[in-house]
N, C-alpha and C. Protein backbone atom coordinates (compact mmCIF):
# COMPACT_ATOMS: atom_id res chain seq x y z
N MET A 1 19.83 50.02 -14.29
CA MET A 1 20.23 49.31 -13.07
C MET A 1 21.71 49.57 -12.81
N ASN A 2 22.07 49.89 -11.53
CA ASN A 2 23.46 50.17 -11.22
C ASN A 2 24.29 48.90 -11.16
N LYS A 3 25.60 49.09 -11.00
CA LYS A 3 26.55 47.96 -11.04
C LYS A 3 26.28 46.99 -9.90
N VAL A 4 25.96 47.53 -8.71
CA VAL A 4 25.69 46.66 -7.56
C VAL A 4 24.45 45.81 -7.82
N GLY A 5 23.43 46.44 -8.40
CA GLY A 5 22.20 45.70 -8.70
C GLY A 5 22.44 44.59 -9.69
N CYS A 6 23.25 44.85 -10.72
CA CYS A 6 23.56 43.84 -11.72
C CYS A 6 24.32 42.67 -11.09
N THR A 7 25.26 43.01 -10.20
CA THR A 7 26.04 41.96 -9.53
C THR A 7 25.14 41.08 -8.67
N LEU A 8 24.24 41.69 -7.90
CA LEU A 8 23.32 40.94 -7.06
C LEU A 8 22.40 40.06 -7.90
N LEU A 9 21.94 40.61 -9.04
CA LEU A 9 21.06 39.85 -9.92
C LEU A 9 21.78 38.64 -10.49
N SER A 10 23.03 38.84 -10.86
CA SER A 10 23.82 37.73 -11.41
C SER A 10 24.02 36.64 -10.36
N LEU A 11 24.36 37.05 -9.13
CA LEU A 11 24.55 36.07 -8.06
C LEU A 11 23.27 35.32 -7.75
N LEU A 12 22.14 36.05 -7.79
CA LEU A 12 20.85 35.43 -7.54
C LEU A 12 20.52 34.41 -8.62
N SER A 13 20.82 34.75 -9.87
CA SER A 13 20.54 33.85 -10.98
C SER A 13 21.35 32.56 -10.85
N ILE A 14 22.63 32.72 -10.46
CA ILE A 14 23.49 31.54 -10.28
C ILE A 14 22.96 30.68 -9.14
N ALA A 15 22.58 31.31 -8.03
CA ALA A 15 22.07 30.56 -6.87
C ALA A 15 20.79 29.82 -7.21
N LEU A 16 19.91 30.49 -7.98
CA LEU A 16 18.66 29.85 -8.38
C LEU A 16 18.91 28.66 -9.29
N ALA A 17 19.86 28.85 -10.21
CA ALA A 17 20.18 27.75 -11.13
C ALA A 17 20.71 26.55 -10.38
N LEU A 18 21.60 26.80 -9.41
CA LEU A 18 22.13 25.70 -8.60
C LEU A 18 21.03 25.09 -7.73
N GLY A 19 20.17 25.96 -7.19
CA GLY A 19 19.11 25.48 -6.31
C GLY A 19 18.09 24.64 -7.05
N VAL A 20 17.75 25.04 -8.27
CA VAL A 20 16.79 24.29 -9.07
C VAL A 20 17.31 22.90 -9.34
N GLY A 21 18.58 22.81 -9.67
CA GLY A 21 19.18 21.49 -9.94
C GLY A 21 19.13 20.61 -8.72
N THR A 22 19.44 21.20 -7.55
CA THR A 22 19.42 20.43 -6.31
C THR A 22 18.01 20.03 -5.94
N ALA A 23 17.08 20.98 -6.06
CA ALA A 23 15.69 20.69 -5.70
C ALA A 23 15.11 19.62 -6.60
N THR A 24 15.44 19.69 -7.88
CA THR A 24 14.92 18.70 -8.81
C THR A 24 15.40 17.31 -8.43
N ALA A 25 16.67 17.21 -8.08
CA ALA A 25 17.22 15.90 -7.71
C ALA A 25 16.58 15.39 -6.43
N GLN A 26 16.31 16.31 -5.47
CA GLN A 26 15.77 15.89 -4.19
C GLN A 26 14.28 15.58 -4.26
N ASN A 27 13.55 16.28 -5.13
CA ASN A 27 12.10 16.14 -5.16
C ASN A 27 11.59 15.18 -6.23
N THR A 28 12.48 14.60 -7.01
CA THR A 28 12.04 13.64 -8.01
C THR A 28 11.44 12.43 -7.31
N PRO A 29 10.17 12.10 -7.59
CA PRO A 29 9.54 10.99 -6.88
C PRO A 29 10.15 9.65 -7.28
N PRO A 30 10.26 8.72 -6.33
CA PRO A 30 10.81 7.41 -6.65
C PRO A 30 9.87 6.63 -7.56
N ASP A 31 10.43 5.67 -8.29
CA ASP A 31 9.65 4.92 -9.26
C ASP A 31 8.98 3.72 -8.60
N TYR A 32 8.18 3.98 -7.56
CA TYR A 32 7.41 2.92 -6.94
C TYR A 32 6.23 3.53 -6.20
N ASP A 33 5.28 2.69 -5.85
CA ASP A 33 4.14 3.11 -5.05
C ASP A 33 4.11 2.31 -3.76
N TYR A 34 4.15 3.00 -2.63
CA TYR A 34 4.04 2.40 -1.31
C TYR A 34 2.96 3.18 -0.57
N ASP A 35 1.87 2.53 -0.24
CA ASP A 35 0.71 3.22 0.30
C ASP A 35 0.22 2.56 1.58
N VAL A 36 -0.35 3.38 2.46
CA VAL A 36 -0.78 2.91 3.77
C VAL A 36 -2.19 3.41 4.06
N GLY A 37 -2.98 2.57 4.75
CA GLY A 37 -4.32 2.97 5.18
C GLY A 37 -4.67 2.27 6.47
N TYR A 38 -5.75 2.69 7.12
CA TYR A 38 -6.17 2.07 8.38
C TYR A 38 -7.54 1.42 8.22
N PHE A 39 -7.83 0.46 9.09
CA PHE A 39 -9.18 -0.09 9.18
C PHE A 39 -9.63 -0.02 10.63
N ALA A 40 -10.93 0.07 10.85
CA ALA A 40 -11.49 0.14 12.20
C ALA A 40 -12.84 -0.55 12.20
N ASN A 41 -13.28 -0.99 13.37
CA ASN A 41 -14.57 -1.66 13.54
C ASN A 41 -14.71 -2.89 12.66
N ALA A 42 -13.58 -3.58 12.42
CA ALA A 42 -13.64 -4.80 11.63
C ALA A 42 -14.38 -5.89 12.40
N ASN A 43 -15.25 -6.62 11.69
CA ASN A 43 -16.02 -7.72 12.26
C ASN A 43 -16.89 -7.30 13.46
N ALA A 44 -17.21 -6.02 13.53
CA ALA A 44 -18.10 -5.56 14.60
C ALA A 44 -19.52 -6.02 14.30
N PRO A 45 -20.28 -6.47 15.32
CA PRO A 45 -21.66 -6.93 15.09
C PRO A 45 -22.51 -5.86 14.41
N GLY A 46 -23.14 -6.24 13.32
CA GLY A 46 -24.01 -5.31 12.59
C GLY A 46 -23.30 -4.35 11.67
N ALA A 47 -21.97 -4.39 11.64
CA ALA A 47 -21.22 -3.45 10.79
C ALA A 47 -20.89 -4.08 9.44
N PRO A 48 -20.89 -3.28 8.38
CA PRO A 48 -20.44 -3.80 7.08
C PRO A 48 -18.93 -3.96 7.10
N SER A 49 -18.41 -4.71 6.13
CA SER A 49 -16.96 -4.84 6.02
C SER A 49 -16.38 -3.66 5.26
N ALA A 50 -15.22 -3.22 5.69
CA ALA A 50 -14.47 -2.26 4.88
C ALA A 50 -13.93 -2.99 3.65
N HIS A 51 -13.56 -2.22 2.62
CA HIS A 51 -13.04 -2.82 1.38
C HIS A 51 -11.79 -2.08 0.93
N LEU A 52 -10.82 -2.87 0.50
CA LEU A 52 -9.61 -2.34 -0.12
C LEU A 52 -9.80 -2.49 -1.62
N ARG A 53 -9.73 -1.38 -2.35
CA ARG A 53 -9.94 -1.40 -3.80
C ARG A 53 -8.63 -1.00 -4.48
N LEU A 54 -8.19 -1.81 -5.41
CA LEU A 54 -6.89 -1.62 -6.04
C LEU A 54 -7.01 -1.63 -7.56
N THR A 55 -6.14 -0.88 -8.22
CA THR A 55 -6.09 -0.89 -9.68
C THR A 55 -4.64 -0.80 -10.16
N ASN A 56 -4.40 -1.35 -11.32
CA ASN A 56 -3.13 -1.17 -12.04
C ASN A 56 -3.38 -0.04 -13.01
N ASP A 57 -2.72 1.11 -12.80
CA ASP A 57 -3.07 2.29 -13.59
C ASP A 57 -2.63 2.21 -15.05
N GLY A 58 -1.87 1.18 -15.42
CA GLY A 58 -1.50 0.98 -16.84
C GLY A 58 -0.77 2.16 -17.42
N SER A 59 0.02 2.87 -16.60
CA SER A 59 0.60 4.14 -17.04
C SER A 59 1.84 3.98 -17.92
N PHE A 60 2.41 2.79 -17.98
CA PHE A 60 3.62 2.62 -18.79
C PHE A 60 3.26 2.27 -20.23
N GLU A 61 4.11 2.68 -21.15
CA GLU A 61 3.84 2.48 -22.58
C GLU A 61 3.62 1.00 -22.88
N ASP A 62 4.50 0.15 -22.35
CA ASP A 62 4.31 -1.28 -22.49
C ASP A 62 3.57 -1.75 -21.24
N ALA A 63 2.23 -1.66 -21.28
CA ALA A 63 1.42 -1.99 -20.11
C ALA A 63 1.72 -3.42 -19.65
N ILE A 64 1.96 -3.58 -18.37
CA ILE A 64 2.34 -4.88 -17.83
C ILE A 64 1.48 -5.24 -16.64
N ASN A 65 1.41 -6.54 -16.37
CA ASN A 65 0.77 -6.99 -15.14
C ASN A 65 1.61 -6.56 -13.96
N LEU A 66 0.95 -6.18 -12.88
CA LEU A 66 1.65 -5.75 -11.67
C LEU A 66 1.16 -6.56 -10.47
N CYS A 67 1.93 -6.50 -9.40
CA CYS A 67 1.57 -7.19 -8.15
C CYS A 67 1.30 -6.18 -7.06
N ALA A 68 0.20 -6.37 -6.35
CA ALA A 68 -0.10 -5.58 -5.16
C ALA A 68 0.30 -6.43 -3.96
N ASN A 69 1.40 -6.07 -3.32
CA ASN A 69 1.89 -6.80 -2.16
C ASN A 69 1.24 -6.19 -0.92
N ILE A 70 0.45 -7.00 -0.21
CA ILE A 70 -0.42 -6.49 0.86
C ILE A 70 0.02 -7.06 2.20
N TYR A 71 0.10 -6.17 3.20
CA TYR A 71 0.52 -6.55 4.55
C TYR A 71 -0.47 -5.97 5.55
N VAL A 72 -1.03 -6.85 6.40
CA VAL A 72 -2.07 -6.44 7.35
C VAL A 72 -1.52 -6.54 8.76
N PHE A 73 -1.55 -5.41 9.48
CA PHE A 73 -1.05 -5.34 10.85
C PHE A 73 -2.19 -5.01 11.82
N ASP A 74 -2.12 -5.57 13.03
CA ASP A 74 -3.07 -5.14 14.05
C ASP A 74 -2.54 -3.87 14.72
N ASN A 75 -3.29 -3.35 15.70
CA ASN A 75 -2.88 -2.08 16.29
C ASN A 75 -1.78 -2.22 17.33
N THR A 76 -1.22 -3.44 17.49
CA THR A 76 -0.01 -3.62 18.30
C THR A 76 1.21 -3.83 17.41
N GLU A 77 1.07 -3.53 16.13
CA GLU A 77 2.15 -3.57 15.15
C GLU A 77 2.57 -4.99 14.76
N GLU A 78 1.69 -5.98 15.01
CA GLU A 78 1.98 -7.36 14.65
C GLU A 78 1.35 -7.67 13.28
N MET A 79 2.16 -8.25 12.36
CA MET A 79 1.63 -8.64 11.07
C MET A 79 0.75 -9.87 11.23
N LYS A 80 -0.47 -9.82 10.71
CA LYS A 80 -1.42 -10.92 10.84
C LYS A 80 -1.60 -11.70 9.54
N GLU A 81 -1.53 -11.02 8.42
CA GLU A 81 -1.66 -11.68 7.12
C GLU A 81 -0.85 -10.91 6.09
N CYS A 82 -0.45 -11.61 5.04
CA CYS A 82 0.20 -10.96 3.90
C CYS A 82 -0.04 -11.80 2.66
N CYS A 83 -0.01 -11.16 1.52
CA CYS A 83 -0.20 -11.86 0.25
C CYS A 83 0.19 -10.91 -0.89
N SER A 84 0.21 -11.43 -2.09
CA SER A 84 0.51 -10.62 -3.27
C SER A 84 -0.47 -10.98 -4.38
N CYS A 85 -1.15 -9.98 -4.91
CA CYS A 85 -2.22 -10.20 -5.89
C CYS A 85 -1.86 -9.57 -7.23
N MET A 86 -1.97 -10.35 -8.29
CA MET A 86 -1.70 -9.82 -9.63
C MET A 86 -2.89 -8.99 -10.12
N ILE A 87 -2.59 -7.85 -10.72
CA ILE A 87 -3.63 -7.00 -11.31
C ILE A 87 -3.19 -6.63 -12.73
N THR A 88 -4.05 -6.86 -13.70
CA THR A 88 -3.73 -6.57 -15.10
C THR A 88 -3.83 -5.06 -15.36
N PRO A 89 -3.25 -4.57 -16.46
CA PRO A 89 -3.33 -3.14 -16.78
C PRO A 89 -4.78 -2.65 -16.82
N ASP A 90 -5.06 -1.59 -16.13
CA ASP A 90 -6.40 -1.02 -16.00
C ASP A 90 -7.37 -1.96 -15.31
N GLY A 91 -6.84 -3.00 -14.66
CA GLY A 91 -7.68 -3.94 -13.94
C GLY A 91 -8.11 -3.38 -12.60
N TYR A 92 -9.09 -4.05 -11.99
CA TYR A 92 -9.67 -3.60 -10.72
C TYR A 92 -9.83 -4.81 -9.80
N LEU A 93 -9.40 -4.69 -8.57
CA LEU A 93 -9.53 -5.77 -7.60
C LEU A 93 -10.16 -5.21 -6.33
N ASP A 94 -11.21 -5.87 -5.87
CA ASP A 94 -11.91 -5.46 -4.65
C ASP A 94 -11.71 -6.54 -3.60
N LEU A 95 -11.19 -6.16 -2.43
CA LEU A 95 -10.94 -7.11 -1.36
C LEU A 95 -11.68 -6.68 -0.09
N SER A 96 -12.38 -7.63 0.51
CA SER A 96 -13.06 -7.37 1.78
C SER A 96 -12.04 -7.44 2.91
N VAL A 97 -12.03 -6.43 3.77
CA VAL A 97 -11.12 -6.45 4.92
C VAL A 97 -11.46 -7.62 5.84
N ASN A 98 -12.74 -7.83 6.12
CA ASN A 98 -13.15 -8.91 7.03
C ASN A 98 -12.83 -10.29 6.48
N SER A 99 -13.12 -10.51 5.18
CA SER A 99 -12.99 -11.85 4.60
C SER A 99 -11.63 -12.09 3.97
N ASN A 100 -11.21 -11.22 3.06
CA ASN A 100 -9.96 -11.42 2.33
C ASN A 100 -8.72 -11.16 3.17
N LEU A 101 -8.78 -10.14 4.02
CA LEU A 101 -7.57 -9.68 4.71
C LEU A 101 -7.50 -10.05 6.18
N LEU A 102 -8.63 -10.47 6.77
CA LEU A 102 -8.64 -10.90 8.17
C LEU A 102 -9.30 -12.26 8.35
N GLY A 103 -9.55 -12.94 7.26
CA GLY A 103 -10.26 -14.22 7.35
C GLY A 103 -9.36 -15.41 7.61
N ASN A 104 -8.04 -15.22 7.58
CA ASN A 104 -7.11 -16.34 7.73
C ASN A 104 -5.88 -15.89 8.52
N ILE A 105 -6.13 -15.22 9.64
CA ILE A 105 -5.01 -14.61 10.38
C ILE A 105 -4.09 -15.67 10.99
N LEU A 106 -2.88 -15.26 11.27
CA LEU A 106 -1.84 -16.15 11.78
C LEU A 106 -2.32 -17.00 12.95
N ASP A 107 -2.19 -18.31 12.79
CA ASP A 107 -2.55 -19.29 13.84
C ASP A 107 -4.01 -19.20 14.26
N ASN A 108 -4.85 -18.65 13.39
CA ASN A 108 -6.29 -18.54 13.69
C ASN A 108 -6.54 -17.86 15.04
N GLY A 109 -5.74 -16.84 15.32
CA GLY A 109 -5.86 -16.13 16.59
C GLY A 109 -7.05 -15.18 16.60
N THR A 110 -7.06 -14.31 17.59
CA THR A 110 -8.14 -13.34 17.73
C THR A 110 -8.04 -12.29 16.62
N LYS A 111 -9.12 -12.09 15.90
CA LYS A 111 -9.10 -11.14 14.79
C LYS A 111 -9.07 -9.70 15.32
N PRO A 112 -8.16 -8.90 14.82
CA PRO A 112 -8.11 -7.50 15.28
C PRO A 112 -9.31 -6.72 14.77
N THR A 113 -9.75 -5.75 15.54
CA THR A 113 -10.85 -4.89 15.13
C THR A 113 -10.35 -3.64 14.42
N ARG A 114 -9.08 -3.33 14.59
CA ARG A 114 -8.51 -2.16 13.92
C ARG A 114 -7.02 -2.41 13.66
N GLY A 115 -6.49 -1.68 12.70
CA GLY A 115 -5.08 -1.86 12.36
C GLY A 115 -4.70 -1.11 11.11
N ILE A 116 -3.62 -1.56 10.49
CA ILE A 116 -3.03 -0.85 9.36
C ILE A 116 -2.86 -1.83 8.19
N ILE A 117 -3.08 -1.33 6.99
CA ILE A 117 -2.84 -2.10 5.77
C ILE A 117 -1.80 -1.36 4.94
N LYS A 118 -0.75 -2.08 4.53
CA LYS A 118 0.29 -1.51 3.70
C LYS A 118 0.30 -2.21 2.35
N VAL A 119 0.47 -1.44 1.27
CA VAL A 119 0.48 -1.99 -0.08
C VAL A 119 1.71 -1.48 -0.83
N VAL A 120 2.49 -2.42 -1.37
CA VAL A 120 3.65 -2.06 -2.18
C VAL A 120 3.44 -2.59 -3.59
N SER A 121 3.61 -1.74 -4.57
CA SER A 121 3.47 -2.12 -5.97
C SER A 121 4.77 -2.73 -6.49
N SER A 122 4.67 -3.82 -7.24
CA SER A 122 5.87 -4.41 -7.86
C SER A 122 5.51 -5.03 -9.20
N SER A 123 6.52 -5.32 -10.00
CA SER A 123 6.28 -5.95 -11.31
C SER A 123 6.01 -7.43 -11.13
N PHE A 124 5.25 -7.99 -12.05
CA PHE A 124 4.93 -9.42 -12.06
C PHE A 124 6.16 -10.21 -12.48
N LEU A 125 6.47 -11.29 -11.74
CA LEU A 125 7.64 -12.11 -12.05
C LEU A 125 7.29 -13.08 -13.18
N VAL A 126 7.49 -12.61 -14.41
CA VAL A 126 7.09 -13.40 -15.59
C VAL A 126 7.80 -14.75 -15.62
N ALA A 127 9.10 -14.75 -15.33
CA ALA A 127 9.87 -16.00 -15.41
C ALA A 127 9.34 -17.05 -14.44
N LYS A 128 8.82 -16.60 -13.29
CA LYS A 128 8.29 -17.54 -12.30
C LYS A 128 6.78 -17.64 -12.33
N ASP A 129 6.15 -16.79 -13.17
CA ASP A 129 4.69 -16.76 -13.31
C ASP A 129 4.00 -16.60 -11.95
N LEU A 130 4.44 -15.62 -11.19
CA LEU A 130 3.82 -15.43 -9.88
C LEU A 130 4.08 -14.04 -9.32
N CYS A 131 3.28 -13.73 -8.29
CA CYS A 131 3.52 -12.58 -7.42
C CYS A 131 3.87 -13.15 -6.06
N THR A 132 4.84 -12.58 -5.40
CA THR A 132 5.20 -13.06 -4.07
C THR A 132 5.45 -11.89 -3.13
N PRO A 133 4.85 -11.90 -1.93
CA PRO A 133 5.05 -10.79 -0.99
C PRO A 133 6.38 -10.86 -0.24
N THR A 134 7.15 -11.92 -0.46
CA THR A 134 8.40 -12.10 0.28
C THR A 134 9.65 -11.84 -0.55
N ASP A 135 9.48 -11.61 -1.85
CA ASP A 135 10.65 -11.41 -2.71
C ASP A 135 10.24 -10.67 -3.98
N PHE A 136 10.49 -9.37 -4.02
CA PHE A 136 10.12 -8.56 -5.18
C PHE A 136 10.92 -7.27 -5.18
N ASP A 137 10.93 -6.62 -6.34
CA ASP A 137 11.51 -5.29 -6.48
C ASP A 137 10.37 -4.30 -6.70
N PRO A 138 10.24 -3.28 -5.85
CA PRO A 138 9.15 -2.31 -6.01
C PRO A 138 9.13 -1.69 -7.41
N PHE A 139 7.93 -1.49 -7.93
CA PHE A 139 7.75 -0.92 -9.27
C PHE A 139 6.41 -0.20 -9.29
N SER A 140 6.38 1.01 -9.80
CA SER A 140 5.20 1.87 -9.71
C SER A 140 4.02 1.37 -10.56
N GLY A 141 2.80 1.67 -10.08
CA GLY A 141 1.63 1.42 -10.91
C GLY A 141 0.36 1.02 -10.18
N ILE A 142 0.47 0.47 -8.97
CA ILE A 142 -0.71 0.08 -8.21
C ILE A 142 -1.23 1.28 -7.41
N LYS A 143 -2.52 1.57 -7.57
CA LYS A 143 -3.16 2.64 -6.81
C LYS A 143 -4.30 2.03 -6.00
N GLY A 144 -4.61 2.63 -4.84
CA GLY A 144 -5.63 2.03 -4.00
C GLY A 144 -6.47 3.00 -3.19
N TRP A 145 -7.63 2.49 -2.77
CA TRP A 145 -8.56 3.22 -1.92
C TRP A 145 -9.03 2.26 -0.83
N LEU A 146 -9.43 2.81 0.31
CA LEU A 146 -9.88 1.99 1.43
C LEU A 146 -11.11 2.61 2.05
N THR A 147 -12.15 1.79 2.21
CA THR A 147 -13.34 2.29 2.91
C THR A 147 -13.12 2.14 4.42
N HIS A 148 -13.80 2.98 5.18
CA HIS A 148 -13.65 3.01 6.64
C HIS A 148 -15.03 2.89 7.29
N VAL A 149 -15.15 1.99 8.24
CA VAL A 149 -16.39 1.77 8.97
C VAL A 149 -16.38 2.69 10.20
N GLN A 150 -17.31 3.64 10.21
CA GLN A 150 -17.38 4.60 11.31
C GLN A 150 -18.63 4.34 12.15
N LYS A 151 -18.50 4.40 13.48
CA LYS A 151 -19.66 4.24 14.35
C LYS A 151 -20.61 5.42 14.18
N GLY A 152 -21.92 5.12 14.14
CA GLY A 152 -22.92 6.17 14.01
C GLY A 152 -23.25 6.81 15.34
N ALA A 153 -24.10 7.82 15.29
CA ALA A 153 -24.50 8.52 16.52
C ALA A 153 -25.34 7.63 17.42
N THR A 154 -26.07 6.69 16.82
CA THR A 154 -26.89 5.75 17.57
C THR A 154 -26.15 4.43 17.74
N ALA A 155 -26.19 3.87 18.92
CA ALA A 155 -25.49 2.61 19.19
C ALA A 155 -25.91 1.53 18.20
N GLY A 156 -24.93 0.82 17.67
CA GLY A 156 -25.23 -0.27 16.74
C GLY A 156 -25.39 0.16 15.30
N THR A 157 -25.21 1.46 15.01
CA THR A 157 -25.29 1.94 13.63
C THR A 157 -23.90 2.33 13.14
N PHE A 158 -23.72 2.22 11.83
CA PHE A 158 -22.41 2.49 11.24
C PHE A 158 -22.58 3.20 9.91
N SER A 159 -21.55 3.93 9.52
CA SER A 159 -21.52 4.57 8.20
C SER A 159 -20.19 4.26 7.54
N LEU A 160 -20.12 4.46 6.24
CA LEU A 160 -18.90 4.17 5.47
C LEU A 160 -18.36 5.45 4.84
N THR A 161 -17.07 5.62 4.91
CA THR A 161 -16.37 6.66 4.15
C THR A 161 -15.28 5.98 3.34
N GLU A 162 -14.75 6.66 2.37
CA GLU A 162 -13.69 6.08 1.54
C GLU A 162 -12.63 7.14 1.23
N THR A 163 -11.37 6.74 1.36
CA THR A 163 -10.26 7.65 1.07
C THR A 163 -9.19 6.93 0.27
N PRO A 164 -8.40 7.66 -0.50
CA PRO A 164 -7.24 7.03 -1.15
C PRO A 164 -6.24 6.58 -0.10
N LEU A 165 -5.49 5.54 -0.40
CA LEU A 165 -4.39 5.17 0.47
C LEU A 165 -3.38 6.31 0.49
N THR A 166 -2.66 6.45 1.58
CA THR A 166 -1.71 7.54 1.76
C THR A 166 -0.33 7.15 1.23
N ASP A 167 0.23 7.97 0.33
CA ASP A 167 1.58 7.74 -0.18
C ASP A 167 2.58 7.82 0.97
N SER A 168 3.50 6.87 1.01
CA SER A 168 4.49 6.83 2.08
C SER A 168 5.88 6.59 1.50
N VAL A 169 6.89 6.81 2.32
CA VAL A 169 8.28 6.63 1.91
C VAL A 169 8.72 5.21 2.25
N LEU A 170 9.22 4.49 1.27
CA LEU A 170 9.61 3.08 1.45
C LEU A 170 11.13 2.99 1.57
N SER A 171 11.60 2.69 2.77
CA SER A 171 13.04 2.51 3.00
C SER A 171 13.43 1.08 2.71
N ALA A 172 14.72 0.85 2.54
CA ALA A 172 15.22 -0.51 2.30
C ALA A 172 14.89 -1.41 3.50
N GLU A 173 15.03 -0.88 4.71
CA GLU A 173 14.73 -1.68 5.91
C GLU A 173 13.25 -2.04 5.97
N GLU A 174 12.39 -1.09 5.60
CA GLU A 174 10.95 -1.35 5.62
C GLU A 174 10.59 -2.48 4.66
N VAL A 175 11.04 -2.40 3.41
CA VAL A 175 10.64 -3.41 2.44
C VAL A 175 11.30 -4.76 2.69
N GLU A 176 12.58 -4.76 3.05
CA GLU A 176 13.30 -6.02 3.17
C GLU A 176 13.08 -6.73 4.50
N VAL A 177 12.99 -5.96 5.59
CA VAL A 177 12.87 -6.57 6.92
C VAL A 177 11.44 -6.52 7.44
N ASN A 178 10.89 -5.32 7.56
CA ASN A 178 9.58 -5.16 8.18
C ASN A 178 8.45 -5.78 7.37
N LEU A 179 8.63 -5.85 6.04
CA LEU A 179 7.57 -6.39 5.20
C LEU A 179 7.93 -7.78 4.65
N GLN A 180 8.93 -7.86 3.78
CA GLN A 180 9.23 -9.14 3.14
C GLN A 180 9.66 -10.22 4.14
N GLU A 181 10.63 -9.91 4.98
CA GLU A 181 11.15 -10.92 5.91
C GLU A 181 10.10 -11.32 6.94
N THR A 182 9.40 -10.33 7.47
CA THR A 182 8.35 -10.63 8.46
C THR A 182 7.25 -11.46 7.83
N CYS A 183 6.86 -11.13 6.61
CA CYS A 183 5.85 -11.91 5.90
C CYS A 183 6.30 -13.35 5.72
N GLY A 184 7.57 -13.54 5.40
CA GLY A 184 8.11 -14.89 5.26
C GLY A 184 7.96 -15.68 6.55
N PHE A 185 8.26 -15.05 7.68
CA PHE A 185 8.11 -15.71 8.98
C PHE A 185 6.64 -16.05 9.24
N VAL A 186 5.75 -15.10 8.97
CA VAL A 186 4.32 -15.30 9.22
C VAL A 186 3.80 -16.49 8.41
N GLN A 187 4.13 -16.52 7.13
CA GLN A 187 3.61 -17.59 6.28
C GLN A 187 4.27 -18.94 6.59
N SER A 188 5.53 -18.91 7.00
CA SER A 188 6.22 -20.15 7.35
C SER A 188 5.69 -20.72 8.67
N LEU A 189 5.57 -19.85 9.68
CA LEU A 189 5.09 -20.30 10.99
C LEU A 189 3.60 -20.61 10.98
N GLY A 190 2.88 -19.96 10.09
CA GLY A 190 1.43 -20.10 10.09
C GLY A 190 0.91 -21.40 9.52
N SER A 191 1.74 -22.14 8.78
CA SER A 191 1.31 -23.43 8.19
C SER A 191 -0.03 -23.31 7.47
N GLY A 192 -0.11 -22.33 6.59
CA GLY A 192 -1.34 -22.13 5.83
C GLY A 192 -2.16 -20.94 6.30
N THR A 193 -1.98 -20.56 7.57
CA THR A 193 -2.64 -19.35 8.05
C THR A 193 -1.68 -18.17 7.83
N GLY A 194 -2.20 -16.96 7.99
CA GLY A 194 -1.37 -15.78 7.78
C GLY A 194 -1.25 -15.37 6.33
N VAL A 195 -2.03 -16.03 5.46
CA VAL A 195 -2.01 -15.72 4.02
C VAL A 195 -3.36 -15.13 3.64
N CYS A 196 -3.36 -13.89 3.17
CA CYS A 196 -4.62 -13.29 2.77
C CYS A 196 -5.07 -13.79 1.40
N SER A 197 -6.30 -13.50 1.04
CA SER A 197 -6.90 -14.02 -0.19
C SER A 197 -7.01 -12.94 -1.26
N CYS A 198 -6.68 -13.32 -2.50
CA CYS A 198 -6.78 -12.39 -3.63
C CYS A 198 -8.07 -12.57 -4.41
N ALA A 199 -8.99 -13.39 -3.92
CA ALA A 199 -10.26 -13.62 -4.61
C ALA A 199 -11.11 -12.34 -4.57
N ASP A 200 -11.52 -11.87 -5.74
CA ASP A 200 -12.28 -10.62 -5.79
C ASP A 200 -13.58 -10.74 -5.01
N ALA A 201 -13.84 -9.74 -4.16
CA ALA A 201 -15.03 -9.78 -3.30
C ALA A 201 -16.30 -9.38 -4.05
N GLY A 202 -16.13 -8.84 -5.24
CA GLY A 202 -17.29 -8.56 -6.09
C GLY A 202 -18.14 -7.39 -5.66
N ASP A 203 -17.61 -6.48 -4.86
CA ASP A 203 -18.39 -5.34 -4.41
C ASP A 203 -18.35 -4.22 -5.45
């Protein structure tokens, strides 16, 4: 190899070394899980309920209880219910969209037929012995799937599909204002409504 080739190779090696370091820093995934999914045809006559299925993957050496902080929005971007459910390591929680997540909407208003569900994973507050959707620090470990009610080719018929929740980027504004603070308003103004249920649906 000639001198020019050696020089170019050396420069390329240096650039790659610097680039790898930068890429590694930029692409390192954050230590939390923030996932989003949609629901449709909720409470439609003759349709089954969609289900949100959650697990604590127990991936840490010292397996710990985790909280699934759940926020339910209608398709006009209004939060209707929120709650936080504890899940033990390798535990499984099944929640009905119709009953658990839309059964106690804010001020007992009109139940949405479609919308968005957001789930943020956080550690269990041992000192307070609780999970709370209004005050937590995100912590990785909750994974989820959501079934979808699809209209069939014949009127009045439906089918079910299931997909994993979609990984999303959680900004400070999203967690502190759009989720925690808004949930606080919903639960405070709702006087008992606007709180979803963590009771396992048994599906």
